[in-house]
């Protein structure tokens, strides 16, 4: 069983916030949640295509969300510059 909707939003928000601190991005709470959730979904999709599956618990999903959100922040910065 997965995290559930509320837990996914909380983990996504935390992942986005941590990623924004790591990448020194000035984003608000809503964008942090969006970056964390989208980053986790994108990276989980890429990893599953490679045959790698993150567990459905909060720690692996948080790590995947942080990496995914950091990647999204990096991509947005490259596109803007």
PDB file of N, CA and C in Angstrom:
ATOM      1  N   UNK A   1       0.829  -1.177   0.000  1.00  0.00           N
ATOM      2  CA  UNK A   1       0.000   0.000   0.000  1.00  0.00           C
ATOM      3  C   UNK A   1       0.875   1.242   0.000  1.00  0.00           C
ATOM      4  N   UNK A   2       0.480   2.258  -0.731  1.00  0.00           N
ATOM      5  CA  UNK A   2       1.249   3.485  -0.856  1.00  0.00           C
ATOM      6  C   UNK A   2       1.091   4.396   0.345  1.00  0.00           C
ATOM      7  N   UNK A   3       1.582   5.584   0.185  1.00  0.00           N
ATOM      8  CA  UNK A   3       1.563   6.549   1.270  1.00  0.00           C
ATOM      9  C   UNK A   3       0.194   7.150   1.527  1.00  0.00           C
ATOM     10  N   UNK A   4      -0.643   7.245   0.537  1.00  0.00           N
ATOM     11  CA  UNK A   4      -1.915   7.936   0.675  1.00  0.00           C
ATOM     12  C   UNK A   4      -1.763   9.382   0.233  1.00  0.00           C
ATOM     13  N   UNK A   5      -2.867  10.018  -0.054  1.00  0.00           N
ATOM     14  CA  UNK A   5      -2.846  11.365  -0.619  1.00  0.00           C
ATOM     15  C   UNK A   5      -2.250  12.395   0.328  1.00  0.00           C
ATOM     16  N   UNK A   6      -2.712  12.439   1.562  1.00  0.00           N
ATOM     17  CA  UNK A   6      -2.232  13.441   2.515  1.00  0.00           C
ATOM     18  C   UNK A   6      -0.745  13.237   2.804  1.00  0.00           C
ATOM     19  N   UNK A   7      -0.339  12.002   3.037  1.00  0.00           N
ATOM     20  CA  UNK A   7       1.070  11.715   3.310  1.00  0.00           C
ATOM     21  C   UNK A   7       1.933  12.047   2.101  1.00  0.00           C
ATOM     22  N   UNK A   8       1.441  11.788   0.892  1.00  0.00           N
ATOM     23  CA  UNK A   8       2.195  12.114  -0.321  1.00  0.00           C
ATOM     24  C   UNK A   8       2.390  13.618  -0.458  1.00  0.00           C
ATOM     25  N   UNK A   9       1.367  14.394  -0.120  1.00  0.00           N
ATOM     26  CA  UNK A   9       1.485  15.850  -0.186  1.00  0.00           C
ATOM     27  C   UNK A   9       2.497  16.345   0.846  1.00  0.00           C
ATOM     28  N   UNK A  10       2.444  15.781   2.044  1.00  0.00           N
ATOM     29  CA  UNK A  10       3.393  16.185   3.086  1.00  0.00           C
ATOM     30  C   UNK A  10       4.820  15.826   2.693  1.00  0.00           C
ATOM     31  N   UNK A  11       5.027  14.596   2.237  1.00  0.00           N
ATOM     32  CA  UNK A  11       6.364  14.164   1.809  1.00  0.00           C
ATOM     33  C   UNK A  11       6.820  14.985   0.605  1.00  0.00           C
ATOM     34  N   UNK A  12       5.917  15.260  -0.337  1.00  0.00           N
ATOM     35  CA  UNK A  12       6.256  16.082  -1.495  1.00  0.00           C
ATOM     36  C   UNK A  12       6.646  17.488  -1.103  1.00  0.00           C
ATOM     37  N   UNK A  13       5.899  18.078  -0.178  1.00  0.00           N
ATOM     38  CA  UNK A  13       6.232  19.418   0.299  1.00  0.00           C
ATOM     39  C   UNK A  13       7.575  19.454   0.993  1.00  0.00           C
ATOM     40  N   UNK A  14       7.836  18.453   1.827  1.00  0.00           N
ATOM     41  CA  UNK A  14       9.117  18.372   2.517  1.00  0.00           C
ATOM     42  C   UNK A  14      10.257  18.170   1.525  1.00  0.00           C
ATOM     43  N   UNK A  15      10.053  17.297   0.554  1.00  0.00           N
ATOM     44  CA  UNK A  15      11.078  17.059  -0.470  1.00  0.00           C
ATOM     45  C   UNK A  15      11.348  18.323  -1.272  1.00  0.00           C
ATOM     46  N   UNK A  16      10.301  19.030  -1.661  1.00  0.00           N
ATOM     47  CA  UNK A  16      10.475  20.274  -2.404  1.00  0.00           C
ATOM     48  C   UNK A  16      11.181  21.333  -1.593  1.00  0.00           C
ATOM     49  N   UNK A  17      10.847  21.436  -0.302  1.00  0.00           N
ATOM     50  CA  UNK A  17      11.488  22.414   0.570  1.00  0.00           C
ATOM     51  C   UNK A  17      12.973  22.102   0.734  1.00  0.00           C
ATOM     52  N   UNK A  18      13.306  20.829   0.991  1.00  0.00           N
ATOM     53  CA  UNK A  18      14.710  20.428   1.136  1.00  0.00           C
ATOM     54  C   UNK A  18      15.466  20.679  -0.163  1.00  0.00           C
ATOM     55  N   UNK A  19      14.849  20.342  -1.294  1.00  0.00           N
ATOM     56  CA  UNK A  19      15.496  20.580  -2.592  1.00  0.00           C
ATOM     57  C   UNK A  19      15.729  22.069  -2.820  1.00  0.00           C
ATOM     58  N   UNK A  20      14.771  22.909  -2.432  1.00  0.00           N
ATOM     59  CA  UNK A  20      14.953  24.352  -2.620  1.00  0.00           C
ATOM     60  C   UNK A  20      16.071  24.880  -1.730  1.00  0.00           C
ATOM     61  N   UNK A  21      16.269  24.287  -0.556  1.00  0.00           N
ATOM     62  CA  UNK A  21      17.380  24.680   0.315  1.00  0.00           C
ATOM     63  C   UNK A  21      18.714  24.223  -0.285  1.00  0.00           C
ATOM     64  N   UNK A  22      18.747  23.003  -0.795  1.00  0.00           N
ATOM     65  CA  UNK A  22      19.974  22.470  -1.400  1.00  0.00           C
ATOM     66  C   UNK A  22      20.366  23.288  -2.625  1.00  0.00           C
ATOM     67  N   UNK A  23      19.374  23.601  -3.462  1.00  0.00           N
ATOM     68  CA  UNK A  23      19.633  24.312  -4.717  1.00  0.00           C
ATOM     69  C   UNK A  23      19.627  25.833  -4.533  1.00  0.00           C
ATOM     70  N   UNK A  24      19.393  26.294  -3.304  1.00  0.00           N
ATOM     71  CA  UNK A  24      19.323  27.722  -2.999  1.00  0.00           C
ATOM     72  C   UNK A  24      18.322  28.440  -3.903  1.00  0.00           C
ATOM     73  N   UNK A  25      17.144  27.834  -4.016  1.00  0.00           N
ATOM     74  CA  UNK A  25      16.061  28.397  -4.829  1.00  0.00           C
ATOM     75  C   UNK A  25      15.095  29.135  -3.909  1.00  0.00           C
ATOM     76  N   UNK A  26      14.582  30.248  -4.379  1.00  0.00           N
ATOM     77  CA  UNK A  26      13.634  31.038  -3.597  1.00  0.00           C
ATOM     78  C   UNK A  26      12.224  30.708  -4.081  1.00  0.00           C
ATOM     79  N   UNK A  27      11.659  29.629  -3.521  1.00  0.00           N
ATOM     80  CA  UNK A  27      10.321  29.206  -3.925  1.00  0.00           C
ATOM     81  C   UNK A  27       9.398  29.220  -2.722  1.00  0.00           C
ATOM     82  N   UNK A  28       8.115  29.350  -2.974  1.00  0.00           N
ATOM     83  CA  UNK A  28       7.123  29.346  -1.911  1.00  0.00           C
ATOM     84  C   UNK A  28       6.673  27.937  -1.579  1.00  0.00           C
ATOM     85  N   UNK A  29       5.808  27.829  -0.581  1.00  0.00           N
ATOM     86  CA  UNK A  29       5.349  26.524  -0.109  1.00  0.00           C
ATOM     87  C   UNK A  29       4.580  25.760  -1.184  1.00  0.00           C
ATOM     88  N   UNK A  30       3.753  26.461  -1.951  1.00  0.00           N
ATOM     89  CA  UNK A  30       2.981  25.787  -2.995  1.00  0.00           C
ATOM     90  C   UNK A  30       3.903  25.219  -4.068  1.00  0.00           C
ATOM     91  N   UNK A  31       4.873  26.006  -4.499  1.00  0.00           N
ATOM     92  CA  UNK A  31       5.819  25.518  -5.510  1.00  0.00           C
ATOM     93  C   UNK A  31       6.681  24.397  -4.943  1.00  0.00           C
ATOM     94  N   UNK A  32       7.030  24.469  -3.652  1.00  0.00           N
ATOM     95  CA  UNK A  32       7.779  23.376  -3.023  1.00  0.00           C
ATOM     96  C   UNK A  32       7.003  22.068  -3.103  1.00  0.00           C
ATOM     97  N   UNK A  33       5.713  22.123  -2.788  1.00  0.00           N
ATOM     98  CA  UNK A  33       4.877  20.918  -2.844  1.00  0.00           C
ATOM     99  C   UNK A  33       4.809  20.386  -4.269  1.00  0.00           C
ATOM    100  N   UNK A  34       4.581  21.290  -5.219  1.00  0.00           N
ATOM    101  CA  UNK A  34       4.488  20.884  -6.625  1.00  0.00           C
ATOM    102  C   UNK A  34       5.802  20.284  -7.101  1.00  0.00           C
ATOM    103  N   UNK A  35       6.927  20.954  -6.814  1.00  0.00           N
ATOM    104  CA  UNK A  35       8.233  20.439  -7.231  1.00  0.00           C
ATOM    105  C   UNK A  35       8.515  19.077  -6.612  1.00  0.00           C
ATOM    106  N   UNK A  36       8.203  18.915  -5.341  1.00  0.00           N
ATOM    107  CA  UNK A  36       8.449  17.638  -4.671  1.00  0.00           C
ATOM    108  C   UNK A  36       7.629  16.508  -5.249  1.00  0.00           C
ATOM    109  N   UNK A  37       6.346  16.761  -5.473  1.00  0.00           N
ATOM    110  CA  UNK A  37       5.470  15.715  -6.007  1.00  0.00           C
ATOM    111  C   UNK A  37       5.824  15.395  -7.451  1.00  0.00           C
ATOM    112  N   UNK A  38       5.955  16.427  -8.283  1.00  0.00           N
ATOM    113  CA  UNK A  38       6.285  16.201  -9.698  1.00  0.00           C
ATOM    114  C   UNK A  38       7.667  15.573  -9.828  1.00  0.00           C
ATOM    115  N   UNK A  39       8.619  16.064  -9.050  1.00  0.00           N
ATOM    116  CA  UNK A  39       9.964  15.489  -9.085  1.00  0.00           C
ATOM    117  C   UNK A  39       9.969  14.019  -8.718  1.00  0.00           C
ATOM    118  N   UNK A  40       9.201  13.660  -7.688  1.00  0.00           N
ATOM    119  CA  UNK A  40       9.124  12.258  -7.276  1.00  0.00           C
ATOM    120  C   UNK A  40       8.459  11.402  -8.343  1.00  0.00           C
ATOM    121  N   UNK A  41       7.392  11.916  -8.940  1.00  0.00           N
ATOM    122  CA  UNK A  41       6.688  11.160  -9.985  1.00  0.00           C
ATOM    123  C   UNK A  41       7.597  10.944 -11.191  1.00  0.00           C
ATOM    124  N   UNK A  42       8.259  12.013 -11.634  1.00  0.00           N
ATOM    125  CA  UNK A  42       9.133  11.916 -12.813  1.00  0.00           C
ATOM    126  C   UNK A  42      10.278  10.946 -12.550  1.00  0.00           C
ATOM    127  N   UNK A  43      10.959  11.112 -11.418  1.00  0.00           N
ATOM    128  CA  UNK A  43      12.097  10.237 -11.137  1.00  0.00           C
ATOM    129  C   UNK A  43      11.654   8.800 -10.888  1.00  0.00           C
ATOM    130  N   UNK A  44      10.525   8.596 -10.213  1.00  0.00           N
ATOM    131  CA  UNK A  44      10.011   7.231 -10.031  1.00  0.00           C
ATOM    132  C   UNK A  44       9.695   6.577 -11.371  1.00  0.00           C
ATOM    133  N   UNK A  45       9.150   7.351 -12.309  1.00  0.00           N
ATOM    134  CA  UNK A  45       8.854   6.820 -13.640  1.00  0.00           C
ATOM    135  C   UNK A  45      10.133   6.421 -14.361  1.00  0.00           C
ATOM    136  N   UNK A  46      11.126   7.295 -14.322  1.00  0.00           N
ATOM    137  CA  UNK A  46      12.412   6.997 -14.970  1.00  0.00           C
ATOM    138  C   UNK A  46      13.049   5.761 -14.338  1.00  0.00           C
ATOM    139  N   UNK A  47      13.061   5.711 -13.012  1.00  0.00           N
ATOM    140  CA  UNK A  47      13.659   4.560 -12.327  1.00  0.00           C
ATOM    141  C   UNK A  47      12.916   3.265 -12.629  1.00  0.00           C
ATOM    142  N   UNK A  48      11.583   3.323 -12.700  1.00  0.00           N
ATOM    143  CA  UNK A  48      10.825   2.099 -12.987  1.00  0.00           C
ATOM    144  C   UNK A  48      11.076   1.611 -14.405  1.00  0.00           C
ATOM    145  N   UNK A  49      11.307   2.538 -15.339  1.00  0.00           N
ATOM    146  CA  UNK A  49      11.662   2.132 -16.702  1.00  0.00           C
ATOM    147  C   UNK A  49      13.011   1.425 -16.736  1.00  0.00           C
ATOM    148  N   UNK A  50      13.872   1.759 -15.770  1.00  0.00           N
ATOM    149  CA  UNK A  50      15.179   1.115 -15.667  1.00  0.00           C
ATOM    150  C   UNK A  50      15.142  -0.142 -14.793  1.00  0.00           C
ATOM    151  N   UNK A  51      13.950  -0.474 -14.273  1.00  0.00           N
ATOM    152  CA  UNK A  51      13.804  -1.662 -13.445  1.00  0.00           C
ATOM    153  C   UNK A  51      14.153  -1.440 -11.984  1.00  0.00           C
ATOM    154  N   UNK A  52      14.224  -0.180 -11.556  1.00  0.00           N
ATOM    155  CA  UNK A  52      14.537   0.155 -10.167  1.00  0.00           C
ATOM    156  C   UNK A  52      13.269   0.709  -9.530  1.00  0.00           C
ATOM    157  N   UNK A  53      12.869   0.141  -8.409  1.00  0.00           N
ATOM    158  CA  UNK A  53      11.630   0.564  -7.758  1.00  0.00           C
ATOM    159  C   UNK A  53      11.915   1.037  -6.341  1.00  0.00           C
ATOM    160  N   UNK A  54      11.502   2.275  -6.040  1.00  0.00           N
ATOM    161  CA  UNK A  54      11.610   2.791  -4.675  1.00  0.00           C
ATOM    162  C   UNK A  54      10.462   2.209  -3.859  1.00  0.00           C
ATOM    163  N   UNK A  55      10.727   1.929  -2.614  1.00  0.00           N
ATOM    164  CA  UNK A  55       9.683   1.386  -1.738  1.00  0.00           C
ATOM    165  C   UNK A  55       8.578   2.413  -1.540  1.00  0.00           C
ATOM    166  N   UNK A  56       7.408   1.951  -1.165  1.00  0.00           N
ATOM    167  CA  UNK A  56       6.269   2.839  -0.941  1.00  0.00           C
ATOM    168  C   UNK A  56       6.222   3.373   0.480  1.00  0.00           C
ATOM    169  N   UNK A  57       7.365   3.536   1.102  1.00  0.00           N
ATOM    170  CA  UNK A  57       7.420   4.150   2.425  1.00  0.00           C
ATOM    171  C   UNK A  57       7.972   5.556   2.290  1.00  0.00           C
ATOM    172  N   UNK A  58       7.874   6.339   3.335  1.00  0.00           N
ATOM    173  CA  UNK A  58       8.162   7.760   3.205  1.00  0.00           C
ATOM    174  C   UNK A  58       9.635   8.084   3.016  1.00  0.00           C
ATOM    175  N   UNK A  59      10.563   7.323   3.584  1.00  0.00           N
ATOM    176  CA  UNK A  59      11.989   7.666   3.457  1.00  0.00           C
ATOM    177  C   UNK A  59      12.477   7.531   2.014  1.00  0.00           C
ATOM    178  N   UNK A  60      12.269   6.389   1.340  1.00  0.00           N
ATOM    179  CA  UNK A  60      12.712   6.314  -0.058  1.00  0.00           C
ATOM    180  C   UNK A  60      11.997   7.325  -0.948  1.00  0.00           C
ATOM    181  N   UNK A  61      10.716   7.554  -0.696  1.00  0.00           N
ATOM    182  CA  UNK A  61       9.980   8.527  -1.507  1.00  0.00           C
ATOM    183  C   UNK A  61      10.481   9.944  -1.257  1.00  0.00           C
ATOM    184  N   UNK A  62      10.880  10.243  -0.028  1.00  0.00           N
ATOM    185  CA  UNK A  62      11.451  11.554   0.283  1.00  0.00           C
ATOM    186  C   UNK A  62      12.761  11.752  -0.466  1.00  0.00           C
ATOM    187  N   UNK A  63      13.603  10.736  -0.464  1.00  0.00           N
ATOM    188  CA  UNK A  63      14.888  10.818  -1.168  1.00  0.00           C
ATOM    189  C   UNK A  63      14.667  10.990  -2.664  1.00  0.00           C
ATOM    190  N   UNK A  64      13.778  10.204  -3.234  1.00  0.00           N
ATOM    191  CA  UNK A  64      13.472  10.320  -4.664  1.00  0.00           C
ATOM    192  C   UNK A  64      12.879  11.696  -4.965  1.00  0.00           C
ATOM    193  N   UNK A  65      12.012  12.181  -4.089  1.00  0.00           N
ATOM    194  CA  UNK A  65      11.414  13.502  -4.276  1.00  0.00           C
ATOM    195  C   UNK A  65      12.440  14.615  -4.237  1.00  0.00           C
ATOM    196  N   UNK A  66      13.389  14.535  -3.311  1.00  0.00           N
ATOM    197  CA  UNK A  66      14.446  15.548  -3.212  1.00  0.00           C
ATOM    198  C   UNK A  66      15.293  15.553  -4.471  1.00  0.00           C
ATOM    199  N   UNK A  67      15.708  14.383  -4.915  1.00  0.00           N
ATOM    200  CA  UNK A  67      16.531  14.295  -6.127  1.00  0.00           C
ATOM    201  C   UNK A  67      15.749  14.779  -7.339  1.00  0.00           C
ATOM    202  N   UNK A  68      14.503  14.346  -7.456  1.00  0.00           N
ATOM    203  CA  UNK A  68      13.672  14.764  -8.585  1.00  0.00           C
ATOM    204  C   UNK A  68      13.401  16.257  -8.592  1.00  0.00           C
ATOM    205  N   UNK A  69      13.067  16.828  -7.434  1.00  0.00           N
ATOM    206  CA  UNK A  69      12.801  18.266  -7.346  1.00  0.00           C
ATOM    207  C   UNK A  69      14.063  19.073  -7.622  1.00  0.00           C
ATOM    208  N   UNK A  70      15.208  18.599  -7.133  1.00  0.00           N
ATOM    209  CA  UNK A  70      16.476  19.282  -7.420  1.00  0.00           C
ATOM    210  C   UNK A  70      16.758  19.274  -8.916  1.00  0.00           C
ATOM    211  N   UNK A  71      16.476  18.155  -9.553  1.00  0.00           N
ATOM    212  CA  UNK A  71      16.644  18.073 -11.004  1.00  0.00           C
ATOM    213  C   UNK A  71      15.731  19.029 -11.740  1.00  0.00           C
ATOM    214  N   UNK A  72      14.492  19.150 -11.285  1.00  0.00           N
ATOM    215  CA  UNK A  72      13.559  20.092 -11.915  1.00  0.00           C
ATOM    216  C   UNK A  72      14.016  21.533 -11.731  1.00  0.00           C
ATOM    217  N   UNK A  73      14.492  21.878 -10.541  1.00  0.00           N
ATOM    218  CA  UNK A  73      15.010  23.230 -10.303  1.00  0.00           C
ATOM    219  C   UNK A  73      16.180  23.505 -11.237  1.00  0.00           C
ATOM    220  N   UNK A  74      17.071  22.544 -11.390  1.00  0.00           N
ATOM    221  CA  UNK A  74      18.230  22.703 -12.265  1.00  0.00           C
ATOM    222  C   UNK A  74      17.789  22.914 -13.714  1.00  0.00           C
ATOM    223  N   UNK A  75      16.824  22.120 -14.166  1.00  0.00           N
ATOM    224  CA  UNK A  75      16.324  22.247 -15.541  1.00  0.00           C
ATOM    225  C   UNK A  75      15.693  23.617 -15.762  1.00  0.00           C
ATOM    226  N   UNK A  76      14.877  24.069 -14.813  1.00  0.00           N
ATOM    227  CA  UNK A  76      14.236  25.384 -14.949  1.00  0.00           C
ATOM    228  C   UNK A  76      15.283  26.486 -15.016  1.00  0.00           C
ATOM    229  N   UNK A  77      16.321  26.386 -14.205  1.00  0.00           N
ATOM    230  CA  UNK A  77      17.395  27.392 -14.243  1.00  0.00           C
ATOM    231  C   UNK A  77      18.098  27.395 -15.598  1.00  0.00           C
ATOM    232  N   UNK A  78      18.358  26.231 -16.157  1.00  0.00           N
ATOM    233  CA  UNK A  78      19.033  26.153 -17.458  1.00  0.00           C
ATOM    234  C   UNK A  78      18.159  26.709 -18.568  1.00  0.00           C
ATOM    235  N   UNK A  79      16.862  26.451 -18.511  1.00  0.00           N
ATOM    236  CA  UNK A  79      15.944  26.951 -19.535  1.00  0.00           C
ATOM    237  C   UNK A  79      15.833  28.471 -19.455  1.00  0.00           C
ATOM    238  N   UNK A  80      15.786  29.009 -18.242  1.00  0.00           N
ATOM    239  CA  UNK A  80      15.649  30.458 -18.062  1.00  0.00           C
ATOM    240  C   UNK A  80      16.899  31.227 -18.453  1.00  0.00           C
ATOM    241  N   UNK A  81      18.070  30.607 -18.361  1.00  0.00           N
ATOM    242  CA  UNK A  81      19.310  31.345 -18.668  1.00  0.00           C
ATOM    243  C   UNK A  81      19.751  31.195 -20.100  1.00  0.00           C
TER     244      UNK A  81
END
